[in-house]
PDB file of N, CA and C in Angstrom:
ATOM      1  N   MET A   1      83.285-112.008-111.939  1.00  0.00           N
ATOM      2  CA  MET A   1      82.524-110.794-111.793  1.00  0.00           C
ATOM      3  C   MET A   1      81.305-111.109-110.914  1.00  0.00           C
ATOM      4  N   PRO A   2      81.065-110.312-109.877  1.00  0.00           N
ATOM      5  CA  PRO A   2      79.939-110.603-108.992  1.00  0.00           C
ATOM      6  C   PRO A   2      78.611-110.353-109.683  1.00  0.00           C
ATOM      7  N   LYS A   3      77.596-111.088-109.212  1.00  0.00           N
ATOM      8  CA  LYS A   3      76.264-110.916-109.778  1.00  0.00           C
ATOM      9  C   LYS A   3      75.708-109.550-109.388  1.00  0.00           C
ATOM     10  N   ARG A   4      74.975-108.979-110.302  1.00  0.00           N
ATOM     11  CA  ARG A   4      74.347-107.707-109.995  1.00  0.00           C
ATOM     12  C   ARG A   4      72.984-107.986-109.367  1.00  0.00           C
ATOM     13  N   SER A   5      72.657-107.206-108.395  1.00  0.00           N
ATOM     14  CA  SER A   5      71.326-107.371-107.813  1.00  0.00           C
ATOM     15  C   SER A   5      70.318-106.723-108.751  1.00  0.00           C
ATOM     16  N   ARG A   6      69.184-107.335-108.895  1.00  0.00           N
ATOM     17  CA  ARG A   6      68.173-106.837-109.824  1.00  0.00           C
ATOM     18  C   ARG A   6      67.128-105.996-109.106  1.00  0.00           C
ATOM     19  N   VAL A   7      67.528-105.376-108.043  1.00  0.00           N
ATOM     20  CA  VAL A   7      66.616-104.528-107.286  1.00  0.00           C
ATOM     21  C   VAL A   7      66.779-103.108-107.786  1.00  0.00           C
ATOM     22  N   ARG A   8      65.659-102.433-107.967  1.00  0.00           N
ATOM     23  CA  ARG A   8      65.743-101.057-108.417  1.00  0.00           C
ATOM     24  C   ARG A   8      66.401-100.193-107.362  1.00  0.00           C
ATOM     25  N   ALA A   9      67.128 -99.221-107.815  1.00  0.00           N
ATOM     26  CA  ALA A   9      67.768 -98.297-106.893  1.00  0.00           C
ATOM     27  C   ALA A   9      66.701 -97.429-106.244  1.00  0.00           C
ATOM     28  N   ARG A  10      66.863 -97.166-104.972  1.00  0.00           N
ATOM     29  CA  ARG A  10      65.912 -96.336-104.265  1.00  0.00           C
ATOM     30  C   ARG A  10      66.185 -94.867-104.567  1.00  0.00           C
ATOM     31  N   ALA A  11      65.131 -94.099-104.507  1.00  0.00           N
ATOM     32  CA  ALA A  11      65.307 -92.665-104.710  1.00  0.00           C
ATOM     33  C   ALA A  11      66.064 -92.111-103.514  1.00  0.00           C
ATOM     34  N   ARG A  12      67.026 -91.281-103.777  1.00  0.00           N
ATOM     35  CA  ARG A  12      67.821 -90.725-102.687  1.00  0.00           C
ATOM     36  C   ARG A  12      67.067 -89.604-101.997  1.00  0.00           C
ATOM     37  N   ARG A  13      67.196 -89.572-100.711  1.00  0.00           N
ATOM     38  CA  ARG A  13      66.572 -88.503 -99.945  1.00  0.00           C
ATOM     39  C   ARG A  13      67.489 -87.293 -99.946  1.00  0.00           C
ATOM     40  N   PRO A  14      66.916 -86.119 -99.944  1.00  0.00           N
ATOM     41  CA  PRO A  14      67.789 -84.944 -99.898  1.00  0.00           C
ATOM     42  C   PRO A  14      68.497 -84.878 -98.554  1.00  0.00           C
ATOM     43  N   VAL A  15      69.721 -84.422 -98.583  1.00  0.00           N
ATOM     44  CA  VAL A  15      70.504 -84.303 -97.357  1.00  0.00           C
ATOM     45  C   VAL A  15      69.892 -83.201 -96.517  1.00  0.00           C
ATOM     46  N   GLN A  16      69.627 -83.527 -95.262  1.00  0.00           N
ATOM     47  CA  GLN A  16      68.987 -82.554 -94.387  1.00  0.00           C
ATOM     48  C   GLN A  16      69.951 -82.219 -93.273  1.00  0.00           C
ATOM     49  N   THR A  17      70.181 -80.963 -93.113  1.00  0.00           N
ATOM     50  CA  THR A  17      71.079 -80.534 -92.041  1.00  0.00           C
ATOM     51  C   THR A  17      70.291 -80.491 -90.749  1.00  0.00           C
ATOM     52  N   THR A  18      70.993 -80.483 -89.638  1.00  0.00           N
ATOM     53  CA  THR A  18      70.308 -80.428 -88.350  1.00  0.00           C
ATOM     54  C   THR A  18      69.639 -79.076 -88.205  1.00  0.00           C
ATOM     55  N   PRO A  19      68.447 -79.052 -87.667  1.00  0.00           N
ATOM     56  CA  PRO A  19      67.744 -77.776 -87.536  1.00  0.00           C
ATOM     57  C   PRO A  19      68.420 -76.870 -86.510  1.00  0.00           C
ATOM     58  N   GLU A  20      68.203 -75.632 -86.684  1.00  0.00           N
ATOM     59  CA  GLU A  20      68.732 -74.647 -85.740  1.00  0.00           C
ATOM     60  C   GLU A  20      68.059 -74.860 -84.387  1.00  0.00           C
ATOM     61  N   PRO A  21      68.717 -74.487 -83.320  1.00  0.00           N
ATOM     62  CA  PRO A  21      68.103 -74.671 -81.997  1.00  0.00           C
ATOM     63  C   PRO A  21      66.735 -74.029 -81.881  1.00  0.00           C
ATOM     64  N   SER A  22      66.511 -72.930 -82.587  1.00  0.00           N
ATOM     65  CA  SER A  22      65.204 -72.276 -82.489  1.00  0.00           C
ATOM     66  C   SER A  22      64.132 -73.068 -83.236  1.00  0.00           C
ATOM     67  N   GLU A  23      64.534 -73.895 -84.205  1.00  0.00           N
ATOM     68  CA  GLU A  23      63.583 -74.657 -84.995  1.00  0.00           C
ATOM     69  C   GLU A  23      63.170 -75.977 -84.335  1.00  0.00           C
ATOM     70  N   ARG A  24      63.961 -76.424 -83.397  1.00  0.00           N
ATOM     71  CA  ARG A  24      63.674 -77.711 -82.763  1.00  0.00           C
ATOM     72  C   ARG A  24      62.388 -77.650 -81.957  1.00  0.00           C
ATOM     73  N   PRO A  25      61.562 -78.720 -82.058  1.00  0.00           N
ATOM     74  CA  PRO A  25      60.345 -78.717 -81.239  1.00  0.00           C
ATOM     75  C   PRO A  25      60.703 -78.918 -79.779  1.00  0.00           C
ATOM     76  N   GLU A  26      59.923 -78.283 -78.931  1.00  0.00           N
ATOM     77  CA  GLU A  26      60.213 -78.406 -77.506  1.00  0.00           C
ATOM     78  C   GLU A  26      59.763 -79.775 -77.014  1.00  0.00           C
ATOM     79  N   ARG A  27      60.522 -80.236 -76.042  1.00  0.00           N
ATOM     80  CA  ARG A  27      60.195 -81.547 -75.484  1.00  0.00           C
ATOM     81  C   ARG A  27      58.931 -81.454 -74.639  1.00  0.00           C
ATOM     82  N   ALA A  28      58.136 -82.492 -74.789  1.00  0.00           N
ATOM     83  CA  ALA A  28      56.934 -82.548 -73.965  1.00  0.00           C
ATOM     84  C   ALA A  28      57.330 -83.023 -72.578  1.00  0.00           C
ATOM     85  N   GLU A  29      56.723 -82.436 -71.582  1.00  0.00           N
ATOM     86  CA  GLU A  29      57.028 -82.828 -70.213  1.00  0.00           C
ATOM     87  C   GLU A  29      56.450 -84.212 -69.943  1.00  0.00           C
ATOM     88  N   ARG A  30      57.224 -84.997 -69.242  1.00  0.00           N
ATOM     89  CA  ARG A  30      56.764 -86.339 -68.913  1.00  0.00           C
ATOM     90  C   ARG A  30      55.781 -86.259 -67.752  1.00  0.00           C
ATOM     91  N   PRO A  31      54.704 -87.020 -67.841  1.00  0.00           N
ATOM     92  CA  PRO A  31      53.755 -86.998 -66.712  1.00  0.00           C
ATOM     93  C   PRO A  31      54.384 -87.673 -65.501  1.00  0.00           C
ATOM     94  N   GLU A  32      53.923 -87.262 -64.344  1.00  0.00           N
ATOM     95  CA  GLU A  32      54.454 -87.853 -63.120  1.00  0.00           C
ATOM     96  C   GLU A  32      54.057 -89.324 -63.050  1.00  0.00           C
ATOM     97  N   ARG A  33      54.893 -90.059 -62.371  1.00  0.00           N
ATOM     98  CA  ARG A  33      54.644 -91.485 -62.239  1.00  0.00           C
ATOM     99  C   ARG A  33      53.480 -91.713 -61.279  1.00  0.00           C
ATOM    100  N   VAL A  34      52.540 -92.543 -61.728  1.00  0.00           N
ATOM    101  CA  VAL A  34      51.365 -92.816 -60.909  1.00  0.00           C
ATOM    102  C   VAL A  34      51.559 -94.177 -60.253  1.00  0.00           C
ATOM    103  N   GLU A  35      51.425 -94.200 -58.938  1.00  0.00           N
ATOM    104  CA  GLU A  35      51.534 -95.466 -58.205  1.00  0.00           C
ATOM    105  C   GLU A  35      50.168 -96.132 -58.210  1.00  0.00           C
ATOM    106  N   ARG A  36      50.139 -97.370 -58.641  1.00  0.00           N
ATOM    107  CA  ARG A  36      48.891 -98.112 -58.681  1.00  0.00           C
ATOM    108  C   ARG A  36      48.940 -99.214 -57.641  1.00  0.00           C
ATOM    109  N   GLU A  37      47.783 -99.564 -57.161  1.00  0.00           N
ATOM    110  CA  GLU A  37      47.717-100.662 -56.196  1.00  0.00           C
ATOM    111  C   GLU A  37      47.822-101.979 -56.936  1.00  0.00           C
ATOM    112  N   ARG A  38      48.672-102.827 -56.434  1.00  0.00           N
ATOM    113  CA  ARG A  38      48.825-104.157 -57.023  1.00  0.00           C
ATOM    114  C   ARG A  38      48.210-105.176 -56.082  1.00  0.00           C
ATOM    115  N   PRO A  39      47.378-106.054 -56.632  1.00  0.00           N
ATOM    116  CA  PRO A  39      46.791-107.077 -55.749  1.00  0.00           C
ATOM    117  C   PRO A  39      47.869-108.068 -55.308  1.00  0.00           C
ATOM    118  N   GLU A  40      47.822-108.426 -54.042  1.00  0.00           N
ATOM    119  CA  GLU A  40      48.787-109.376 -53.501  1.00  0.00           C
ATOM    120  C   GLU A  40      48.462-110.773 -53.995  1.00  0.00           C
ATOM    121  N   ARG A  41      49.472-111.516 -54.304  1.00  0.00           N
ATOM    122  CA  ARG A  41      49.267-112.909 -54.703  1.00  0.00           C
ATOM    123  C   ARG A  41      49.007-113.740 -53.471  1.00  0.00           C
ATOM    124  N   ALA A  42      48.153-114.750 -53.654  1.00  0.00           N
ATOM    125  CA  ALA A  42      47.782-115.592 -52.513  1.00  0.00           C
ATOM    126  C   ALA A  42      48.982-116.377 -51.995  1.00  0.00           C
ATOM    127  N   GLU A  43      49.765-116.913 -52.905  1.00  0.00           N
ATOM    128  CA  GLU A  43      50.877-117.755 -52.479  1.00  0.00           C
ATOM    129  C   GLU A  43      52.109-117.380 -53.283  1.00  0.00           C
ATOM    130  N   ARG A  44      53.177-117.088 -52.614  1.00  0.00           N
ATOM    131  CA  ARG A  44      54.416-116.751 -53.299  1.00  0.00           C
ATOM    132  C   ARG A  44      55.354-117.942 -53.198  1.00  0.00           C
ATOM    133  N   ARG A  45      55.829-118.383 -54.362  1.00  0.00           N
ATOM    134  CA  ARG A  45      56.757-119.506 -54.351  1.00  0.00           C
ATOM    135  C   ARG A  45      58.168-118.987 -54.104  1.00  0.00           C
ATOM    136  N   PRO A  46      58.902-119.652 -53.237  1.00  0.00           N
ATOM    137  CA  PRO A  46      60.287-119.223 -53.048  1.00  0.00           C
ATOM    138  C   PRO A  46      61.120-119.601 -54.273  1.00  0.00           C
ATOM    139  N   ARG A  47      62.072-118.767 -54.598  1.00  0.00           N
ATOM    140  CA  ARG A  47      62.936-119.075 -55.732  1.00  0.00           C
ATOM    141  C   ARG A  47      63.887-120.192 -55.352  1.00  0.00           C
ATOM    142  N   TYR A  48      64.188-121.027 -56.339  1.00  0.00           N
ATOM    143  CA  TYR A  48      65.067-122.166 -56.078  1.00  0.00           C
ATOM    144  C   TYR A  48      66.495-121.672 -55.940  1.00  0.00           C
ATOM    145  N   ARG A  49      67.151-122.072 -54.912  1.00  0.00           N
ATOM    146  CA  ARG A  49      68.557-121.714 -54.700  1.00  0.00           C
ATOM    147  C   ARG A  49      69.394-122.983 -54.802  1.00  0.00           C
ATOM    148  N   GLY A  50      70.518-122.912 -55.443  1.00  0.00           N
ATOM    149  CA  GLY A  50      71.402-124.062 -55.543  1.00  0.00           C
ATOM    150  C   GLY A  50      71.470-124.592 -56.955  1.00  0.00           C
ATOM    151  N   ALA A  51      72.017-125.777 -57.083  1.00  0.00           N
ATOM    152  CA  ALA A  51      72.202-126.381 -58.398  1.00  0.00           C
ATOM    153  C   ALA A  51      70.860-126.833 -58.966  1.00  0.00           C
ATOM    154  N   PRO A  52      70.717-126.744 -60.272  1.00  0.00           N
ATOM    155  CA  PRO A  52      69.461-127.220 -60.866  1.00  0.00           C
ATOM    156  C   PRO A  52      69.378-128.737 -60.776  1.00  0.00           C
ATOM    157  N   PRO A  53      68.169-129.285 -60.790  1.00  0.00           N
ATOM    158  CA  PRO A  53      68.031-130.741 -60.700  1.00  0.00           C
ATOM    159  C   PRO A  53      68.595-131.422 -61.944  1.00  0.00           C
ATOM    160  N   ALA A  54      68.969-132.673 -61.779  1.00  0.00           N
ATOM    161  CA  ALA A  54      69.525-133.429 -62.895  1.00  0.00           C
ATOM    162  C   ALA A  54      68.471-133.622 -63.976  1.00  0.00           C
ATOM    163  N   PRO A  55      68.907-133.645 -65.247  1.00  0.00           N
ATOM    164  CA  PRO A  55      67.932-133.854 -66.324  1.00  0.00           C
ATOM    165  C   PRO A  55      67.251-135.205 -66.174  1.00  0.00           C
ATOM    166  N   GLY A  56      65.971-135.238 -66.397  1.00  0.00           N
ATOM    167  CA  GLY A  56      65.226-136.483 -66.281  1.00  0.00           C
ATOM    168  C   GLY A  56      64.747-136.763 -64.877  1.00  0.00           C
ATOM    169  N   GLY A  57      65.152-135.937 -63.941  1.00  0.00           N
ATOM    170  CA  GLY A  57      64.719-136.134 -62.566  1.00  0.00           C
ATOM    171  C   GLY A  57      63.304-135.655 -62.373  1.00  0.00           C
ATOM    172  N   ALA A  58      62.632-136.156 -61.351  1.00  0.00           N
ATOM    173  CA  ALA A  58      61.253-135.765 -61.094  1.00  0.00           C
ATOM    174  C   ALA A  58      61.236-134.368 -60.498  1.00  0.00           C
ATOM    175  N   ARG A  59      60.362-133.511 -61.039  1.00  0.00           N
ATOM    176  CA  ARG A  59      60.230-132.163 -60.504  1.00  0.00           C
ATOM    177  C   ARG A  59      58.875-131.970 -59.847  1.00  0.00           C
ATOM    178  N   ALA A  60      57.968-132.887 -60.101  1.00  0.00           N
ATOM    179  CA  ALA A  60      56.611-132.724 -59.595  1.00  0.00           C
ATOM    180  C   ALA A  60      56.560-133.014 -58.105  1.00  0.00           C
ATOM    181  N   VAL A  61      55.636-132.350 -57.444  1.00  0.00           N
ATOM    182  CA  VAL A  61      55.451-132.533 -56.014  1.00  0.00           C
ATOM    183  C   VAL A  61      53.999-132.911 -55.782  1.00  0.00           C
ATOM    184  N   GLY A  62      53.764-133.868 -54.926  1.00  0.00           N
ATOM    185  CA  GLY A  62      52.387-134.254 -54.593  1.00  0.00           C
ATOM    186  C   GLY A  62      51.941-135.467 -55.378  1.00  0.00           C
ATOM    187  N   GLU A  63      50.653-135.765 -55.234  1.00  0.00           N
ATOM    188  CA  GLU A  63      50.073-136.938 -55.884  1.00  0.00           C
ATOM    189  C   GLU A  63      49.875-136.693 -57.374  1.00  0.00           C
ATOM    190  N   ALA A  64      50.067-137.750 -58.153  1.00  0.00           N
ATOM    191  CA  ALA A  64      49.847-137.651 -59.600  1.00  0.00           C
ATOM    192  C   ALA A  64      48.363-137.704 -59.897  1.00  0.00           C
ATOM    193  N   SER A  65      47.962-137.056 -60.957  1.00  0.00           N
ATOM    194  CA  SER A  65      46.552-137.058 -61.340  1.00  0.00           C
ATOM    195  C   SER A  65      46.184-138.421 -61.923  1.00  0.00           C
ATOM    196  N   PRO A  66      44.918-138.794 -61.880  1.00  0.00           N
ATOM    197  CA  PRO A  66      44.507-140.090 -62.441  1.00  0.00           C
ATOM    198  C   PRO A  66      44.809-140.210 -63.936  1.00  0.00           C
ATOM    199  N   GLY A  67      44.656-139.133 -64.659  1.00  0.00           N
ATOM    200  CA  GLY A  67      44.964-139.169 -66.094  1.00  0.00           C
ATOM    201  C   GLY A  67      46.437-139.438 -66.340  1.00  0.00           C
ATOM    202  N   LEU A  68      47.271-138.830 -65.521  1.00  0.00           N
ATOM    203  CA  LEU A  68      48.713-139.053 -65.638  1.00  0.00           C
ATOM    204  C   LEU A  68      49.072-140.489 -65.283  1.00  0.00           C
ATOM    205  N   GLU A  69      48.411-141.015 -64.277  1.00  0.00           N
ATOM    206  CA  GLU A  69      48.651-142.416 -63.886  1.00  0.00           C
ATOM    207  C   GLU A  69      48.261-143.371 -65.012  1.00  0.00           C
ATOM    208  N   ARG A  70      47.114-143.119 -65.662  1.00  0.00           N
ATOM    209  CA  ARG A  70      46.684-143.980 -66.780  1.00  0.00           C
ATOM    210  C   ARG A  70      47.691-143.907 -67.922  1.00  0.00           C
ATOM    211  N   ALA A  71      48.144-142.703 -68.230  1.00  0.00           N
ATOM    212  CA  ALA A  71      49.123-142.551 -69.316  1.00  0.00           C
ATOM    213  C   ALA A  71      50.420-143.272 -68.978  1.00  0.00           C
ATOM    214  N   ALA A  72      50.836-143.199 -67.716  1.00  0.00           N
ATOM    215  CA  ALA A  72      52.067-143.874 -67.301  1.00  0.00           C
ATOM    216  C   ALA A  72      51.906-145.386 -67.386  1.00  0.00           C
ATOM    217  N   THR A  73      50.733-145.896 -67.038  1.00  0.00           N
ATOM    218  CA  THR A  73      50.485-147.339 -67.115  1.00  0.00           C
ATOM    219  C   THR A  73      50.533-147.818 -68.567  1.00  0.00           C
ATOM    220  N   VAL A  74      49.918-147.054 -69.455  1.00  0.00           N
ATOM    221  CA  VAL A  74      49.951-147.412 -70.883  1.00  0.00           C
ATOM    222  C   VAL A  74      51.393-147.391 -71.388  1.00  0.00           C
ATOM    223  N   GLU A  75      52.145-146.379 -70.986  1.00  0.00           N
ATOM    224  CA  GLU A  75      53.547-146.269 -71.429  1.00  0.00           C
ATOM    225  C   GLU A  75      54.381-147.435 -70.897  1.00  0.00           C
ATOM    226  N   ARG A  76      54.173-147.803 -69.626  1.00  0.00           N
ATOM    227  CA  ARG A  76      54.922-148.943 -69.062  1.00  0.00           C
ATOM    228  C   ARG A  76      54.594-150.226 -69.815  1.00  0.00           C
ATOM    229  N   GLY A  77      53.331-150.419 -70.150  1.00  0.00           N
ATOM    230  CA  GLY A  77      52.938-151.611 -70.916  1.00  0.00           C
ATOM    231  C   GLY A  77      53.610-151.630 -72.283  1.00  0.00           C
ATOM    232  N   TYR A  78      53.656-150.482 -72.939  1.00  0.00           N
ATOM    233  CA  TYR A  78      54.296-150.415 -74.250  1.00  0.00           C
ATOM    234  C   TYR A  78      55.785-150.728 -74.150  1.00  0.00           C
ATOM    235  N   VAL A  79      56.448-150.163 -73.145  1.00  0.00           N
ATOM    236  CA  VAL A  79      57.887-150.402 -72.977  1.00  0.00           C
ATOM    237  C   VAL A  79      58.145-151.868 -72.665  1.00  0.00           C
ATOM    238  N   THR A  80      57.303-152.470 -71.826  1.00  0.00           N
ATOM    239  CA  THR A  80      57.465-153.891 -71.495  1.00  0.00           C
ATOM    240  C   THR A  80      57.314-154.755 -72.748  1.00  0.00           C
ATOM    241  N   LYS A  81      56.295-154.483 -73.574  1.00  0.00           N
ATOM    242  CA  LYS A  81      56.110-155.242 -74.816  1.00  0.00           C
ATOM    243  C   LYS A  81      57.277-155.022 -75.760  1.00  0.00           C
ATOM    244  N   ASP A  82      57.767-153.789 -75.801  1.00  0.00           N
ATOM    245  CA  ASP A  82      58.881-153.463 -76.696  1.00  0.00           C
ATOM    246  C   ASP A  82      60.132-154.228 -76.286  1.00  0.00           C
ATOM    247  N   PHE A  83      60.423-154.289 -74.978  1.00  0.00           N
ATOM    248  CA  PHE A  83      61.588-155.060 -74.527  1.00  0.00           C
ATOM    249  C   PHE A  83      61.399-156.541 -74.810  1.00  0.00           C
ATOM    250  N   GLY A  84      60.169-157.042 -74.696  1.00  0.00           N
ATOM    251  CA  GLY A  84      59.893-158.446 -75.019  1.00  0.00           C
ATOM    252  C   GLY A  84      60.177-158.736 -76.489  1.00  0.00           C
ATOM    253  N   ARG A  85      59.726-157.834 -77.367  1.00  0.00           N
ATOM    254  CA  ARG A  85      60.001-158.009 -78.801  1.00  0.00           C
ATOM    255  C   ARG A  85      61.496-157.962 -79.082  1.00  0.00           C
ATOM    256  N   LEU A  86      62.179-157.035 -78.435  1.00  0.00           N
ATOM    257  CA  LEU A  86      63.628-156.916 -78.627  1.00  0.00           C
ATOM    258  C   LEU A  86      64.342-158.189 -78.156  1.00  0.00           C
ATOM    259  N   ALA A  87      63.916-158.743 -77.034  1.00  0.00           N
ATOM    260  CA  ALA A  87      64.525-159.974 -76.536  1.00  0.00           C
ATOM    261  C   ALA A  87      64.291-161.122 -77.514  1.00  0.00           C
ATOM    262  N   LYS A  88      63.089-161.219 -78.093  1.00  0.00           N
ATOM    263  CA  LYS A  88      62.808-162.275 -79.059  1.00  0.00           C
ATOM    264  C   LYS A  88      63.699-162.155 -80.290  1.00  0.00           C
ATOM    265  N   VAL A  89      63.899-160.930 -80.764  1.00  0.00           N
ATOM    266  CA  VAL A  89      64.758-160.714 -81.938  1.00  0.00           C
ATOM    267  C   VAL A  89      66.193-161.095 -81.622  1.00  0.00           C
ATOM    268  N   ILE A  90      66.679-160.739 -80.443  1.00  0.00           N
ATOM    269  CA  ILE A  90      68.062-161.077 -80.067  1.00  0.00           C
ATOM    270  C   ILE A  90      68.238-162.578 -79.972  1.00  0.00           C
ATOM    271  N   VAL A  91      67.266-163.267 -79.356  1.00  0.00           N
ATOM    272  CA  VAL A  91      67.352-164.727 -79.254  1.00  0.00           C
ATOM    273  C   VAL A  91      67.336-165.358 -80.644  1.00  0.00           C
ATOM    274  N   ALA A  92      66.481-164.859 -81.544  1.00  0.00           N
ATOM    275  CA  ALA A  92      66.414-165.411 -82.902  1.00  0.00           C
ATOM    276  C   ALA A  92      67.726-165.202 -83.641  1.00  0.00           C
ATOM    277  N   VAL A  93      68.344-164.042 -83.481  1.00  0.00           N
ATOM    278  CA  VAL A  93      69.624-163.765 -84.152  1.00  0.00           C
ATOM    279  C   VAL A  93      70.709-164.694 -83.608  1.00  0.00           C
ATOM    280  N   LEU A  94      70.744-164.890 -82.286  1.00  0.00           N
ATOM    281  CA  LEU A  94      71.763-165.781 -81.711  1.00  0.00           C
ATOM    282  C   LEU A  94      71.560-167.219 -82.166  1.00  0.00           C
ATOM    283  N   VAL A  95      70.295-167.669 -82.248  1.00  0.00           N
ATOM    284  CA  VAL A  95      70.025-169.028 -82.731  1.00  0.00           C
ATOM    285  C   VAL A  95      70.479-169.172 -84.179  1.00  0.00           C
ATOM    286  N   LEU A  96      70.146-168.201 -85.026  1.00  0.00           N
ATOM    287  CA  LEU A  96      70.585-168.251 -86.429  1.00  0.00           C
ATOM    288  C   LEU A  96      72.100-168.203 -86.546  1.00  0.00           C
ATOM    289  N   LEU A  97      72.745-167.440 -85.687  1.00  0.00           N
ATOM    290  CA  LEU A  97      74.208-167.374 -85.705  1.00  0.00           C
ATOM    291  C   LEU A  97      74.805-168.729 -85.342  1.00  0.00           C
ATOM    292  N   GLY A  98      74.230-169.374 -84.328  1.00  0.00           N
ATOM    293  CA  GLY A  98      74.721-170.704 -83.946  1.00  0.00           C
ATOM    294  C   GLY A  98      74.498-171.732 -85.036  1.00  0.00           C
ATOM    295  N   ILE A  99      73.316-171.712 -85.633  1.00  0.00           N
ATOM    296  CA  ILE A  99      73.019-172.672 -86.705  1.00  0.00           C
ATOM    297  C   ILE A  99      73.922-172.437 -87.902  1.00  0.00           C
ATOM    298  N   SER A 100      74.130-171.160 -88.251  1.00  0.00           N
ATOM    299  CA  SER A 100      74.999-170.888 -89.399  1.00  0.00           C
ATOM    300  C   SER A 100      76.444-171.290 -89.112  1.00  0.00           C
ATOM    301  N   GLY A 101      76.885-171.141 -87.860  1.00  0.00           N
ATOM    302  CA  GLY A 101      78.245-171.582 -87.507  1.00  0.00           C
ATOM    303  C   GLY A 101      78.408-173.072 -87.662  1.00  0.00           C
ATOM    304  N   VAL A 102      77.422-173.838 -87.191  1.00  0.00           N
ATOM    305  CA  VAL A 102      77.465-175.292 -87.326  1.00  0.00           C
ATOM    306  C   VAL A 102      77.413-175.690 -88.805  1.00  0.00           C
ATOM    307  N   ALA A 103      76.552-175.024 -89.588  1.00  0.00           N
ATOM    308  CA  ALA A 103      76.423-175.342 -91.008  1.00  0.00           C
ATOM    309  C   ALA A 103      77.712-175.039 -91.763  1.00  0.00           C
ATOM    310  N   VAL A 104      78.347-173.940 -91.454  1.00  0.00           N
ATOM    311  CA  VAL A 104      79.600-173.588 -92.152  1.00  0.00           C
ATOM    312  C   VAL A 104      80.688-174.601 -91.790  1.00  0.00           C
ATOM    313  N   ASN A 105      80.773-174.981 -90.497  1.00  0.00           N
ATOM    314  CA  ASN A 105      81.774-175.972 -90.118  1.00  0.00           C
ATOM    315  C   ASN A 105      81.527-177.307 -90.821  1.00  0.00           C
ATOM    316  N   ALA A 106      80.277-177.729 -90.953  1.00  0.00           N
ATOM    317  CA  ALA A 106      79.967-178.978 -91.616  1.00  0.00           C
ATOM    318  C   ALA A 106      80.267-178.877 -93.130  1.00  0.00           C
ATOM    319  N   PHE A 107      80.019-177.727 -93.701  1.00  0.00           N
ATOM    320  CA  PHE A 107      80.258-177.535 -95.136  1.00  0.00           C
ATOM    321  C   PHE A 107      81.754-177.471 -95.455  1.00  0.00           C
ATOM    322  N   VAL A 108      82.552-176.892 -94.570  1.00  0.00           N
ATOM    323  CA  VAL A 108      83.995-176.734 -94.803  1.00  0.00           C
ATOM    324  C   VAL A 108      84.689-178.104 -94.709  1.00  0.00           C
ATOM    325  N   LYS A 109      84.276-178.980 -93.809  1.00  0.00           N
ATOM    326  CA  LYS A 109      84.933-180.278 -93.633  1.00  0.00           C
ATOM    327  C   LYS A 109      84.594-181.167 -94.728  1.00  0.00           C
TER     328      LYS A 109
END
């Protein structure tokens, strides 16, 4: 048995028939369209035609701002340190794998 909704029933509205044509309010006339002056933009960019650029590709044009350059330098330093840490972990795992292989061979014999 489906759950009953615990929402109170709404009061029903009385059925209203469509009004007679004489009872309908007359439509208000629409005002004429007013042409306004639009200020011209100083520079209009042409729309891009063709395929969109590949994701991750550079879209910026011109010289980078100094703040952006500083942020990029910090990011490059972080990535370089991160790859260094990753390389150290990989070397440590390979060394442990080699040592454990030698130890297992010595233990089995």
